[in-house]
Amino acid sequence: MRVTENYTDSPPTREEINAMAGPLLLEFGSPGCGYCRAAQSWLNDAARDAPDLQHIKVADGRGRPLGRSFQVKLWPTFIFMKDGVEVSRLVRPDSATQIRRAMDDIVATRPGS
């Protein structure tokens, strides 16, 4: 997976997210969030093992409909989806291993597997 560096202020709609095929990681957070910045190195490490995973990094906050539709309350929140269905989520992950395990649930095959 190529990790998206910047948060988007204009993410896809919930309907567009639900219609996406394949594995998807939605990351909700904010550039000013210390927890979000800390999680980036773990995400970069875990992402090397999931080349087919799409990543959308969403700027979240009060009044942002996509985050509210997923009931995001803390940042970062990583929502792991497959074919438009939420499989799992991590709130404030604390290791690359934790992120990698969640990726395993949505990525069919890994290199070397």
C-alpha atoms as a PDB file:
ATOM      1  CA  MET A   1       0.000   0.000   0.000  1.00  0.00           C
ATOM      2  CA  ARG A   2       1.169   3.480  -0.753  1.00  0.00           C
ATOM      3  CA  VAL A   3       0.449   5.503   2.368  1.00  0.00           C
ATOM      4  CA  THR A   4      -1.356   8.753   1.655  1.00  0.00           C
ATOM      5  CA  GLU A   5       0.651  11.588   3.191  1.00  0.00           C
ATOM      6  CA  ASN A   6      -1.966  14.354   3.434  1.00  0.00           C
ATOM      7  CA  TYR A   7      -5.457  14.412   4.860  1.00  0.00           C
ATOM      8  CA  THR A   8      -8.194  15.157   2.355  1.00  0.00           C
ATOM      9  CA  ASP A   9     -10.848  17.753   3.104  1.00  0.00           C
ATOM     10  CA  SER A  10     -13.037  16.357   0.331  1.00  0.00           C
ATOM     11  CA  PRO A  11     -13.241  12.587   0.850  1.00  0.00           C
ATOM     12  CA  PRO A  12     -15.585  10.258  -1.022  1.00  0.00           C
ATOM     13  CA  THR A  13     -19.138  10.032   0.270  1.00  0.00           C
ATOM     14  CA  ARG A  14     -20.258   7.153   2.464  1.00  0.00           C
ATOM     15  CA  GLU A  15     -22.133   5.735  -0.519  1.00  0.00           C
ATOM     16  CA  GLU A  16     -18.960   5.842  -2.635  1.00  0.00           C
ATOM     17  CA  ILE A  17     -16.973   4.174   0.170  1.00  0.00           C
ATOM     18  CA  ASN A  18     -19.603   1.427   0.496  1.00  0.00           C
ATOM     19  CA  ALA A  19     -19.391   0.779  -3.268  1.00  0.00           C
ATOM     20  CA  MET A  20     -15.590   0.368  -3.328  1.00  0.00           C
ATOM     21  CA  ALA A  21     -14.313  -3.084  -4.241  1.00  0.00           C
ATOM     22  CA  GLY A  22     -11.348  -4.721  -2.565  1.00  0.00           C
ATOM     23  CA  PRO A  23      -9.462  -3.886   0.613  1.00  0.00           C
ATOM     24  CA  LEU A  24      -9.570  -0.317   1.903  1.00  0.00           C
ATOM     25  CA  LEU A  25      -8.127   1.478   4.901  1.00  0.00           C
ATOM     26  CA  LEU A  26      -9.931   4.640   5.961  1.00  0.00           C
ATOM     27  CA  GLU A  27      -7.844   6.724   8.325  1.00  0.00           C
ATOM     28  CA  PHE A  28      -9.619   9.481  10.255  1.00  0.00           C
ATOM     29  CA  GLY A  29      -7.564  12.110  12.012  1.00  0.00           C
ATOM     30  CA  SER A  30      -6.111  15.590  11.915  1.00  0.00           C
ATOM     31  CA  PRO A  31      -2.699  17.004  11.006  1.00  0.00           C
ATOM     32  CA  GLY A  32      -2.496  18.632  14.439  1.00  0.00           C
ATOM     33  CA  CYS A  33      -3.165  15.399  16.349  1.00  0.00           C
ATOM     34  CA  GLY A  34      -0.124  14.015  18.176  1.00  0.00           C
ATOM     35  CA  TYR A  35      -1.576  10.496  18.271  1.00  0.00           C
ATOM     36  CA  CYS A  36      -2.109  10.665  14.495  1.00  0.00           C
ATOM     37  CA  ARG A  37       1.471  11.760  13.854  1.00  0.00           C
ATOM     38  CA  ALA A  38       2.815   9.004  16.136  1.00  0.00           C
ATOM     39  CA  ALA A  39       0.850   6.317  14.277  1.00  0.00           C
ATOM     40  CA  GLN A  40       2.288   7.241  10.860  1.00  0.00           C
ATOM     41  CA  SER A  41       5.584   5.371  11.269  1.00  0.00           C
ATOM     42  CA  TRP A  42       3.700   2.219  12.343  1.00  0.00           C
ATOM     43  CA  LEU A  43       1.334   2.583   9.390  1.00  0.00           C
ATOM     44  CA  ASN A  44       4.248   3.041   6.973  1.00  0.00           C
ATOM     45  CA  ASP A  45       5.914  -0.073   8.369  1.00  0.00           C
ATOM     46  CA  ALA A  46       2.755  -2.204   8.169  1.00  0.00           C
ATOM     47  CA  ALA A  47       1.846  -0.908   4.704  1.00  0.00           C
ATOM     48  CA  ARG A  48       4.912  -2.474   3.094  1.00  0.00           C
ATOM     49  CA  ASP A  49       3.220  -5.876   3.427  1.00  0.00           C
ATOM     50  CA  ALA A  50      -0.062  -4.867   1.765  1.00  0.00           C
ATOM     51  CA  PRO A  51       0.586  -3.563  -1.755  1.00  0.00           C
ATOM     52  CA  ASP A  52      -3.045  -3.970  -2.895  1.00  0.00           C
ATOM     53  CA  LEU A  53      -4.617  -2.059  -0.020  1.00  0.00           C
ATOM     54  CA  GLN A  54      -6.125   1.323  -0.886  1.00  0.00           C
ATOM     55  CA  HIS A  55      -5.643   4.085   1.733  1.00  0.00           C
ATOM     56  CA  ILE A  56      -7.825   7.163   2.186  1.00  0.00           C
ATOM     57  CA  LYS A  57      -6.714   9.657   4.830  1.00  0.00           C
ATOM     58  CA  VAL A  58      -9.670  11.789   5.923  1.00  0.00           C
ATOM     59  CA  ALA A  59      -9.456  15.090   7.786  1.00  0.00           C
ATOM     60  CA  ASP A  60     -12.033  14.663  10.519  1.00  0.00           C
ATOM     61  CA  GLY A  61     -13.706  17.044  12.913  1.00  0.00           C
ATOM     62  CA  ARG A  62     -16.969  18.487  14.077  1.00  0.00           C
ATOM     63  CA  GLY A  63     -19.568  18.555  11.323  1.00  0.00           C
ATOM     64  CA  ARG A  64     -17.661  16.230   8.986  1.00  0.00           C
ATOM     65  CA  PRO A  65     -20.292  13.790   7.687  1.00  0.00           C
ATOM     66  CA  LEU A  66     -18.062  10.841   6.748  1.00  0.00           C
ATOM     67  CA  GLY A  67     -16.504  10.569  10.202  1.00  0.00           C
ATOM     68  CA  ARG A  68     -19.908  10.928  11.841  1.00  0.00           C
ATOM     69  CA  SER A  69     -21.346   8.179   9.625  1.00  0.00           C
ATOM     70  CA  PHE A  70     -18.638   5.842  10.995  1.00  0.00           C
ATOM     71  CA  GLN A  71     -19.137   7.136  14.562  1.00  0.00           C
ATOM     72  CA  VAL A  72     -15.505   8.233  14.858  1.00  0.00           C
ATOM     73  CA  LYS A  73     -14.845   9.704  18.298  1.00  0.00           C
ATOM     74  CA  LEU A  74     -11.047   9.573  18.763  1.00  0.00           C
ATOM     75  CA  TRP A  75      -8.106  10.027  16.406  1.00  0.00           C
ATOM     76  CA  PRO A  76      -6.609   8.319  14.695  1.00  0.00           C
ATOM     77  CA  THR A  77      -9.286   5.804  13.871  1.00  0.00           C
ATOM     78  CA  PHE A  78      -8.357   3.236  11.238  1.00  0.00           C
ATOM     79  CA  ILE A  79     -11.320   1.487   9.633  1.00  0.00           C
ATOM     80  CA  PHE A  80     -10.443  -1.632   7.658  1.00  0.00           C
ATOM     81  CA  MET A  81     -12.979  -2.453   4.954  1.00  0.00           C
ATOM     82  CA  LYS A  82     -13.360  -5.108   2.296  1.00  0.00           C
ATOM     83  CA  ASP A  83     -15.778  -4.696  -0.598  1.00  0.00           C
ATOM     84  CA  GLY A  84     -17.559  -1.824   1.150  1.00  0.00           C
ATOM     85  CA  VAL A  85     -18.053  -3.600   4.485  1.00  0.00           C
ATOM     86  CA  GLU A  86     -16.268  -2.714   7.710  1.00  0.00           C
ATOM     87  CA  VAL A  87     -14.251  -5.701   8.909  1.00  0.00           C
ATOM     88  CA  SER A  88     -12.446  -4.133  11.862  1.00  0.00           C
ATOM     89  CA  ARG A  89     -11.198  -0.870  13.315  1.00  0.00           C
ATOM     90  CA  LEU A  90      -8.350   0.367  15.432  1.00  0.00           C
ATOM     91  CA  VAL A  91      -8.580   3.446  17.596  1.00  0.00           C
ATOM     92  CA  ARG A  92      -5.224   4.959  18.535  1.00  0.00           C
ATOM     93  CA  PRO A  93      -3.143   1.959  17.469  1.00  0.00           C
ATOM     94  CA  ASP A  94       0.156   1.559  19.306  1.00  0.00           C
ATOM     95  CA  SER A  95       2.267  -0.644  17.009  1.00  0.00           C
ATOM     96  CA  ALA A  96       2.873  -1.718  13.432  1.00  0.00           C
ATOM     97  CA  THR A  97       2.066  -5.276  14.523  1.00  0.00           C
ATOM     98  CA  GLN A  98      -1.415  -4.236  15.621  1.00  0.00           C
ATOM     99  CA  ILE A  99      -2.041  -2.505  12.288  1.00  0.00           C
ATOM    100  CA  ARG A 100      -0.602  -5.444  10.326  1.00  0.00           C
ATOM    101  CA  ARG A 101      -2.941  -7.885  12.094  1.00  0.00           C
ATOM    102  CA  ALA A 102      -5.956  -5.783  11.150  1.00  0.00           C
ATOM    103  CA  MET A 103      -4.715  -5.627   7.558  1.00  0.00           C
ATOM    104  CA  ASP A 104      -4.543  -9.426   7.494  1.00  0.00           C
ATOM    105  CA  ASP A 105      -8.337  -9.555   7.863  1.00  0.00           C
ATOM    106  CA  ILE A 106      -8.916  -7.635   4.623  1.00  0.00           C
ATOM    107  CA  VAL A 107      -5.924  -8.451   2.423  1.00  0.00           C
ATOM    108  CA  ALA A 108      -6.325 -11.802   0.673  1.00  0.00           C
ATOM    109  CA  THR A 109      -2.669 -12.582   0.149  1.00  0.00           C
ATOM    110  CA  ARG A 110       0.582 -11.152   1.350  1.00  0.00           C
ATOM    111  CA  PRO A 111       3.914 -11.259  -0.411  1.00  0.00           C
ATOM    112  CA  GLY A 112       5.756 -14.437   0.556  1.00  0.00           C
ATOM    113  CA  SER A 113       2.609 -16.106   1.950  1.00  0.00           C
END
